[in-house]
N, C-alpha and C. Protein backbone atom coordinates (compact mmCIF):
# COMPACT_ATOMS: atom_id res chain seq x y z
N MET A 1 88.04 85.25 117.03
CA MET A 1 89.36 86.23 117.15
C MET A 1 90.14 85.32 118.41
N LYS A 2 91.42 85.27 117.98
CA LYS A 2 92.49 84.90 119.20
C LYS A 2 92.88 85.96 119.75
N LYS A 3 93.09 85.73 121.08
CA LYS A 3 93.59 86.78 122.18
C LYS A 3 94.72 86.30 122.15
N LEU A 4 96.01 86.79 122.00
CA LEU A 4 97.38 86.74 122.02
C LEU A 4 97.88 87.42 123.20
N GLN A 5 98.34 87.14 124.22
CA GLN A 5 98.79 87.79 125.50
C GLN A 5 100.28 87.76 125.51
N ILE A 6 101.12 88.96 125.70
CA ILE A 6 102.47 88.73 125.81
C ILE A 6 102.87 88.84 127.55
N LEU A 7 103.11 87.96 128.22
CA LEU A 7 103.57 88.03 129.55
C LEU A 7 104.97 88.65 129.93
N GLY A 8 105.43 89.72 130.38
CA GLY A 8 106.78 89.96 130.26
C GLY A 8 106.55 91.46 130.96
N THR A 9 107.76 92.09 131.51
CA THR A 9 107.71 93.75 131.91
C THR A 9 107.85 94.60 130.76
N GLY A 10 108.08 94.18 129.71
CA GLY A 10 108.13 94.98 128.81
C GLY A 10 109.57 95.31 128.17
N CYS A 11 110.32 94.18 128.47
CA CYS A 11 111.83 94.28 128.03
C CYS A 11 112.65 94.24 126.43
N GLU A 12 113.04 93.90 126.16
CA GLU A 12 113.43 93.82 124.49
C GLU A 12 112.90 92.39 123.94
N LYS A 13 113.36 91.46 124.83
CA LYS A 13 112.49 90.34 124.19
C LYS A 13 111.31 90.24 124.22
N CYS A 14 110.54 90.67 125.43
CA CYS A 14 109.09 91.16 125.15
C CYS A 14 108.67 91.68 124.12
N LYS A 15 109.44 92.44 123.54
CA LYS A 15 108.78 93.51 121.87
C LYS A 15 109.23 92.60 121.22
N LYS A 16 110.46 91.61 120.68
CA LYS A 16 110.23 90.70 119.88
C LYS A 16 109.62 89.75 119.92
N LEU A 17 108.92 89.09 121.28
CA LEU A 17 107.94 88.16 121.42
C LEU A 17 106.40 88.67 120.79
N THR A 18 106.50 89.98 121.15
CA THR A 18 105.20 90.93 120.41
C THR A 18 105.33 90.99 118.65
N GLU A 19 106.42 91.12 118.20
CA GLU A 19 106.63 91.25 117.10
C GLU A 19 106.44 89.85 116.25
N ASN A 20 107.22 89.24 116.69
CA ASN A 20 107.07 87.49 116.11
C ASN A 20 105.63 87.16 116.12
N ALA A 21 104.44 87.45 117.09
CA ALA A 21 103.32 86.96 117.54
C ALA A 21 102.20 87.85 116.27
N GLU A 22 102.82 89.19 116.22
CA GLU A 22 101.94 89.95 115.26
C GLU A 22 102.26 89.20 114.17
N LYS A 23 103.77 88.64 113.81
CA LYS A 23 103.58 88.50 112.27
C LYS A 23 103.16 87.15 111.95
N ALA A 24 102.93 86.44 112.95
CA ALA A 24 102.49 85.01 112.60
C ALA A 24 100.90 85.18 112.41
N ALA A 25 100.32 86.09 113.62
CA ALA A 25 98.53 86.16 113.17
C ALA A 25 98.69 86.59 111.96
N LYS A 26 99.34 87.70 111.62
CA LYS A 26 99.20 88.52 110.07
C LYS A 26 99.35 87.30 108.87
N GLU A 27 100.35 86.60 109.05
CA GLU A 27 100.63 85.62 107.91
C GLU A 27 99.83 84.50 107.66
N LEU A 28 98.90 84.06 109.02
CA LEU A 28 97.63 83.10 109.25
C LEU A 28 96.70 83.83 108.53
N GLY A 29 96.47 84.88 108.57
CA GLY A 29 95.20 85.99 107.98
C GLY A 29 94.17 85.48 109.03
N ILE A 30 94.52 85.54 110.35
CA ILE A 30 93.54 85.44 111.33
C ILE A 30 92.95 86.81 112.35
N GLU A 31 91.74 86.74 112.45
CA GLU A 31 91.85 88.04 113.24
C GLU A 31 92.47 87.77 114.75
N TYR A 32 92.89 88.83 115.21
CA TYR A 32 93.52 88.57 116.71
C TYR A 32 93.67 89.96 117.42
N GLU A 33 93.89 89.76 118.86
CA GLU A 33 93.99 90.88 119.81
C GLU A 33 95.18 90.64 120.24
N ILE A 34 96.16 91.66 120.59
CA ILE A 34 97.17 91.36 121.67
C ILE A 34 97.01 92.20 122.68
N GLU A 35 97.37 91.50 123.60
CA GLU A 35 97.30 92.18 124.90
C GLU A 35 98.42 92.18 125.97
N LYS A 36 99.04 93.11 126.46
CA LYS A 36 100.23 92.99 127.14
C LYS A 36 99.97 93.18 128.54
N VAL A 37 100.44 92.15 128.95
CA VAL A 37 100.55 91.82 130.62
C VAL A 37 101.63 91.96 131.25
N THR A 38 101.62 93.32 131.95
CA THR A 38 102.85 93.80 132.25
C THR A 38 103.11 93.79 134.06
N ASN A 39 101.90 93.42 134.42
CA ASN A 39 101.99 92.98 135.87
C ASN A 39 102.36 92.23 136.65
N ILE A 40 103.12 92.20 137.48
CA ILE A 40 103.97 91.07 137.91
C ILE A 40 102.74 90.07 138.70
N ASN A 41 101.83 90.40 139.27
CA ASN A 41 101.06 89.37 139.67
C ASN A 41 100.52 88.84 138.99
N GLU A 42 99.97 89.61 137.90
CA GLU A 42 98.92 88.90 136.67
C GLU A 42 99.55 87.85 136.34
N ILE A 43 101.08 88.09 135.84
CA ILE A 43 101.70 87.21 135.28
C ILE A 43 102.06 86.00 136.13
N LEU A 44 101.65 86.28 137.30
CA LEU A 44 102.15 84.75 138.46
C LEU A 44 100.72 84.20 138.19
N LYS A 45 99.64 84.81 137.99
CA LYS A 45 98.27 84.20 138.08
C LYS A 45 98.38 83.17 136.80
N PHE A 46 99.05 83.31 135.89
CA PHE A 46 99.15 82.40 134.81
C PHE A 46 100.20 81.41 135.01
N GLY A 47 100.69 81.29 136.36
CA GLY A 47 101.71 80.15 137.08
C GLY A 47 103.15 80.94 136.01
N VAL A 48 103.45 81.75 135.52
CA VAL A 48 104.83 82.00 134.85
C VAL A 48 106.00 82.48 135.89
N MET A 49 106.76 82.08 135.49
CA MET A 49 108.11 82.18 136.52
C MET A 49 108.90 82.58 135.61
N VAL A 50 109.10 82.62 134.43
CA VAL A 50 110.12 82.96 133.40
C VAL A 50 109.63 83.83 132.42
N THR A 51 109.94 85.05 131.78
CA THR A 51 109.50 85.70 130.84
C THR A 51 110.31 85.78 130.01
N PRO A 52 110.06 86.14 128.40
CA PRO A 52 108.71 86.45 128.43
C PRO A 52 107.89 85.60 127.83
N ALA A 53 106.71 85.30 128.18
CA ALA A 53 105.81 84.16 127.84
C ALA A 53 104.65 84.56 126.80
N LEU A 54 104.22 83.80 126.17
CA LEU A 54 103.08 83.62 125.27
C LEU A 54 101.59 83.06 125.59
N ALA A 55 100.58 83.50 126.07
CA ALA A 55 99.49 82.52 126.03
C ALA A 55 98.48 83.26 124.85
N VAL A 56 97.94 81.79 124.46
CA VAL A 56 96.80 82.13 123.41
C VAL A 56 95.67 81.43 123.89
N ASP A 57 94.81 82.51 123.93
CA ASP A 57 93.36 82.63 124.43
C ASP A 57 93.12 81.86 126.02
N GLY A 58 94.16 82.68 126.38
CA GLY A 58 94.35 82.64 128.22
C GLY A 58 94.92 81.20 128.70
N LYS A 59 95.83 80.26 127.81
CA LYS A 59 96.57 79.24 127.99
C LYS A 59 97.97 79.53 127.48
N VAL A 60 98.83 79.28 128.38
CA VAL A 60 100.40 79.57 128.07
C VAL A 60 100.80 78.43 127.50
N LYS A 61 101.52 79.05 126.31
CA LYS A 61 102.11 78.37 125.23
C LYS A 61 103.59 77.99 125.29
N VAL A 62 104.34 79.05 125.50
CA VAL A 62 105.51 79.20 125.81
C VAL A 62 105.99 80.11 126.67
N ALA A 63 107.12 79.48 127.51
CA ALA A 63 107.38 80.88 128.41
C ALA A 63 109.15 80.26 128.64
N GLY A 64 109.97 81.77 128.58
CA GLY A 64 111.30 82.00 128.75
C GLY A 64 112.15 81.94 127.81
N ASN A 65 111.43 81.49 126.10
CA ASN A 65 112.22 81.77 125.14
C ASN A 65 111.39 82.57 124.19
N ILE A 66 111.84 82.99 123.14
CA ILE A 66 111.12 83.62 122.06
C ILE A 66 111.03 82.75 120.88
N PRO A 67 109.66 82.40 120.78
CA PRO A 67 109.57 81.44 119.48
C PRO A 67 109.85 82.31 118.41
N SER A 68 110.17 81.40 116.85
CA SER A 68 110.19 82.39 115.87
C SER A 68 108.84 82.50 115.13
N PRO A 69 108.19 83.46 114.33
CA PRO A 69 106.82 83.60 113.71
C PRO A 69 106.10 81.98 113.50
N GLU A 70 106.83 81.32 112.54
CA GLU A 70 106.66 79.99 112.21
C GLU A 70 106.33 78.99 113.27
N ALA A 71 106.99 79.00 114.43
CA ALA A 71 106.34 78.16 115.60
C ALA A 71 105.54 78.76 116.21
N ILE A 72 105.15 79.98 116.22
CA ILE A 72 104.44 80.53 116.74
C ILE A 72 103.24 80.41 115.64
N LYS A 73 102.99 80.28 115.01
CA LYS A 73 101.66 79.80 113.88
C LYS A 73 101.12 78.27 114.30
N LYS A 74 102.47 77.52 114.65
CA LYS A 74 101.89 76.39 115.29
C LYS A 74 101.22 76.20 116.43
N LEU A 75 101.42 77.10 117.55
CA LEU A 75 101.00 77.23 118.64
C LEU A 75 99.68 78.11 118.94
N ILE A 76 99.11 78.68 117.89
CA ILE A 76 98.17 79.59 117.44
C ILE A 76 97.05 78.91 116.96
N THR A 77 97.44 77.83 116.18
CA THR A 77 96.28 77.07 115.29
C THR A 77 95.94 75.66 115.79
């Protein structure tokens, strides 16, 4: 199971990243879990200075922008 973490304070960009990540995982047909990390101190522990960010299995894959579902598929696999 893939663990997808959305790092951000819950803004509109964070919500869009969550939607795109869910769509990508569903289209890939994989088992996944989405965790929203909203605590600033927790986000900083990832080394992220710009949100939103996406971490896959604990590793930050993208920060500061919202990749498309197609781009996220490549980051997940």
